[in-house]
């Protein structure tokens, strides 16, 4: 019976650079995904506010809308337009972040292939699901 040990694989400077790049990109992707979640929650809040606004009967009612640290009163139509503009802006930001995540996933995929080709089972590049 032969016991298989961990192979001795020489880690070159280039290999270490790839491992570091993989780690940096994995962290960046996690940050971007968190940012996407925050923006999607804000988007849902805007949608909820927009839905609530549509249910109002009184068109003459002034609606307070937060701009920075202050609330400014607007007509229902103006507030609806501002909500729509804010939603469009957030949707574009989410789309941009998702494109960046996709690009990072491409880089990570390429690095995984290279690193697993050299190190095999001696390296674990899978994310811990905890």
Protein backbone atom coordinates (compact mmCIF):
# COMPACT_ATOMS: atom_id res chain seq x y z
CA UNK A 1 0.00 0.00 0.00
CA UNK A 2 1.44 3.31 -1.07
CA UNK A 3 0.48 6.53 0.68
CA UNK A 4 0.16 9.47 -1.64
CA UNK A 5 1.71 12.59 -0.13
CA UNK A 6 1.34 16.17 -1.08
CA UNK A 7 3.44 16.79 -4.12
CA UNK A 8 6.25 19.27 -3.85
CA UNK A 9 5.43 21.92 -6.38
CA UNK A 10 7.74 24.87 -6.81
CA UNK A 11 5.82 28.14 -6.52
CA UNK A 12 7.45 30.72 -8.74
CA UNK A 13 7.11 34.47 -8.43
CA UNK A 14 4.78 34.44 -11.44
CA UNK A 15 2.63 31.78 -9.77
CA UNK A 16 2.44 33.85 -6.60
CA UNK A 17 1.40 36.88 -8.65
CA UNK A 18 -1.42 34.83 -10.21
CA UNK A 19 -2.56 33.59 -6.78
CA UNK A 20 -2.53 37.17 -5.45
CA UNK A 21 -4.42 38.42 -8.51
CA UNK A 22 -6.99 35.66 -7.98
CA UNK A 23 -7.44 36.66 -4.32
CA UNK A 24 -7.74 40.38 -5.12
CA UNK A 25 -10.29 39.75 -7.86
CA UNK A 26 -12.30 37.38 -5.65
CA UNK A 27 -12.46 40.05 -2.93
CA UNK A 28 -13.39 42.74 -5.45
CA UNK A 29 -16.14 40.56 -6.90
CA UNK A 30 -17.57 40.00 -3.41
CA UNK A 31 -17.57 43.76 -2.77
CA UNK A 32 -19.28 44.41 -6.10
CA UNK A 33 -21.94 41.77 -5.42
CA UNK A 34 -22.63 43.36 -2.03
CA UNK A 35 -22.89 46.77 -3.69
CA UNK A 36 -25.33 45.33 -6.25
CA UNK A 37 -27.52 43.95 -3.45
CA UNK A 38 -27.60 47.34 -1.71
CA UNK A 39 -28.55 49.09 -4.96
CA UNK A 40 -31.24 46.50 -5.71
CA UNK A 41 -32.76 47.11 -2.27
CA UNK A 42 -32.74 50.86 -2.94
CA UNK A 43 -34.33 50.20 -6.31
CA UNK A 44 -37.07 48.16 -4.63
CA UNK A 45 -37.64 50.97 -2.14
CA UNK A 46 -38.02 53.45 -5.00
CA UNK A 47 -40.45 51.10 -6.73
CA UNK A 48 -42.47 50.74 -3.52
CA UNK A 49 -42.56 54.53 -3.10
CA UNK A 50 -43.65 54.92 -6.71
CA UNK A 51 -46.43 52.35 -6.24
CA UNK A 52 -47.61 54.05 -3.06
CA UNK A 53 -47.59 57.42 -4.82
CA UNK A 54 -49.84 56.09 -7.60
CA UNK A 55 -52.43 55.06 -5.02
CA UNK A 56 -52.85 58.60 -3.73
CA UNK A 57 -56.14 60.22 -4.74
CA UNK A 58 -55.35 63.85 -4.00
CA UNK A 59 -53.36 65.34 -6.92
CA UNK A 60 -53.05 68.67 -5.12
CA UNK A 61 -51.15 67.08 -2.24
CA UNK A 62 -47.48 68.07 -2.02
CA UNK A 63 -45.15 65.10 -1.55
CA UNK A 64 -41.91 65.51 0.47
CA UNK A 65 -38.92 64.17 -1.50
CA UNK A 66 -35.51 63.83 0.11
CA UNK A 67 -32.65 65.51 -1.70
CA UNK A 68 -29.46 65.09 0.28
CA UNK A 69 -30.24 65.97 3.89
CA UNK A 70 -33.40 68.00 3.24
CA UNK A 71 -36.94 67.23 2.16
CA UNK A 72 -38.42 69.31 -0.64
CA UNK A 73 -42.15 69.23 -1.36
CA UNK A 74 -43.22 68.57 -4.94
CA UNK A 75 -46.42 67.78 -6.74
CA UNK A 76 -47.33 64.14 -7.21
CA UNK A 77 -46.34 64.27 -10.89
CA UNK A 78 -42.97 65.91 -10.18
CA UNK A 79 -42.24 63.39 -7.44
CA UNK A 80 -43.18 60.51 -9.76
CA UNK A 81 -40.79 61.87 -12.41
CA UNK A 82 -38.00 62.20 -9.83
CA UNK A 83 -38.58 58.63 -8.65
CA UNK A 84 -38.46 57.35 -12.24
CA UNK A 85 -35.21 59.24 -12.90
CA UNK A 86 -33.68 57.86 -9.69
CA UNK A 87 -34.76 54.32 -10.65
CA UNK A 88 -33.23 54.66 -14.13
CA UNK A 89 -29.95 55.89 -12.62
CA UNK A 90 -29.84 52.99 -10.15
CA UNK A 91 -30.67 50.46 -12.87
CA UNK A 92 -27.76 51.77 -14.96
CA UNK A 93 -25.44 51.56 -11.95
CA UNK A 94 -26.54 47.96 -11.26
CA UNK A 95 -26.02 47.06 -14.92
CA UNK A 96 -22.51 48.55 -14.84
CA UNK A 97 -21.63 46.68 -11.65
CA UNK A 98 -22.97 43.40 -13.08
CA UNK A 99 -20.80 43.90 -16.18
CA UNK A 100 -17.76 44.40 -13.94
CA UNK A 101 -18.62 41.21 -12.00
CA UNK A 102 -18.90 39.33 -15.29
CA UNK A 103 -15.49 40.60 -16.43
CA UNK A 104 -13.93 39.59 -13.11
CA UNK A 105 -15.52 36.13 -13.36
CA UNK A 106 -13.85 35.76 -16.77
CA UNK A 107 -10.44 36.67 -15.28
CA UNK A 108 -11.00 34.28 -12.35
CA UNK A 109 -11.95 31.46 -14.72
CA UNK A 110 -8.75 31.95 -16.72
CA UNK A 111 -6.62 32.06 -13.57
CA UNK A 112 -8.31 28.92 -12.18
CA UNK A 113 -7.42 27.00 -15.34
CA UNK A 114 -3.78 28.11 -15.15
CA UNK A 115 -3.38 27.50 -11.42
CA UNK A 116 -5.16 24.13 -11.34
CA UNK A 117 -3.09 23.03 -14.36
CA UNK A 118 0.09 23.66 -12.41
CA UNK A 119 -0.93 22.80 -8.82
CA UNK A 120 -3.76 20.30 -9.27
CA UNK A 121 -5.24 19.27 -5.93
CA UNK A 122 -2.55 21.13 -4.00
CA UNK A 123 -4.48 24.40 -4.34
CA UNK A 124 -8.08 25.24 -3.47
CA UNK A 125 -9.58 28.12 -5.41
CA UNK A 126 -13.21 27.46 -4.54
CA UNK A 127 -15.06 30.01 -2.42
CA UNK A 128 -16.02 28.94 1.07
CA UNK A 129 -19.81 28.94 1.29
CA UNK A 130 -20.29 29.92 4.92
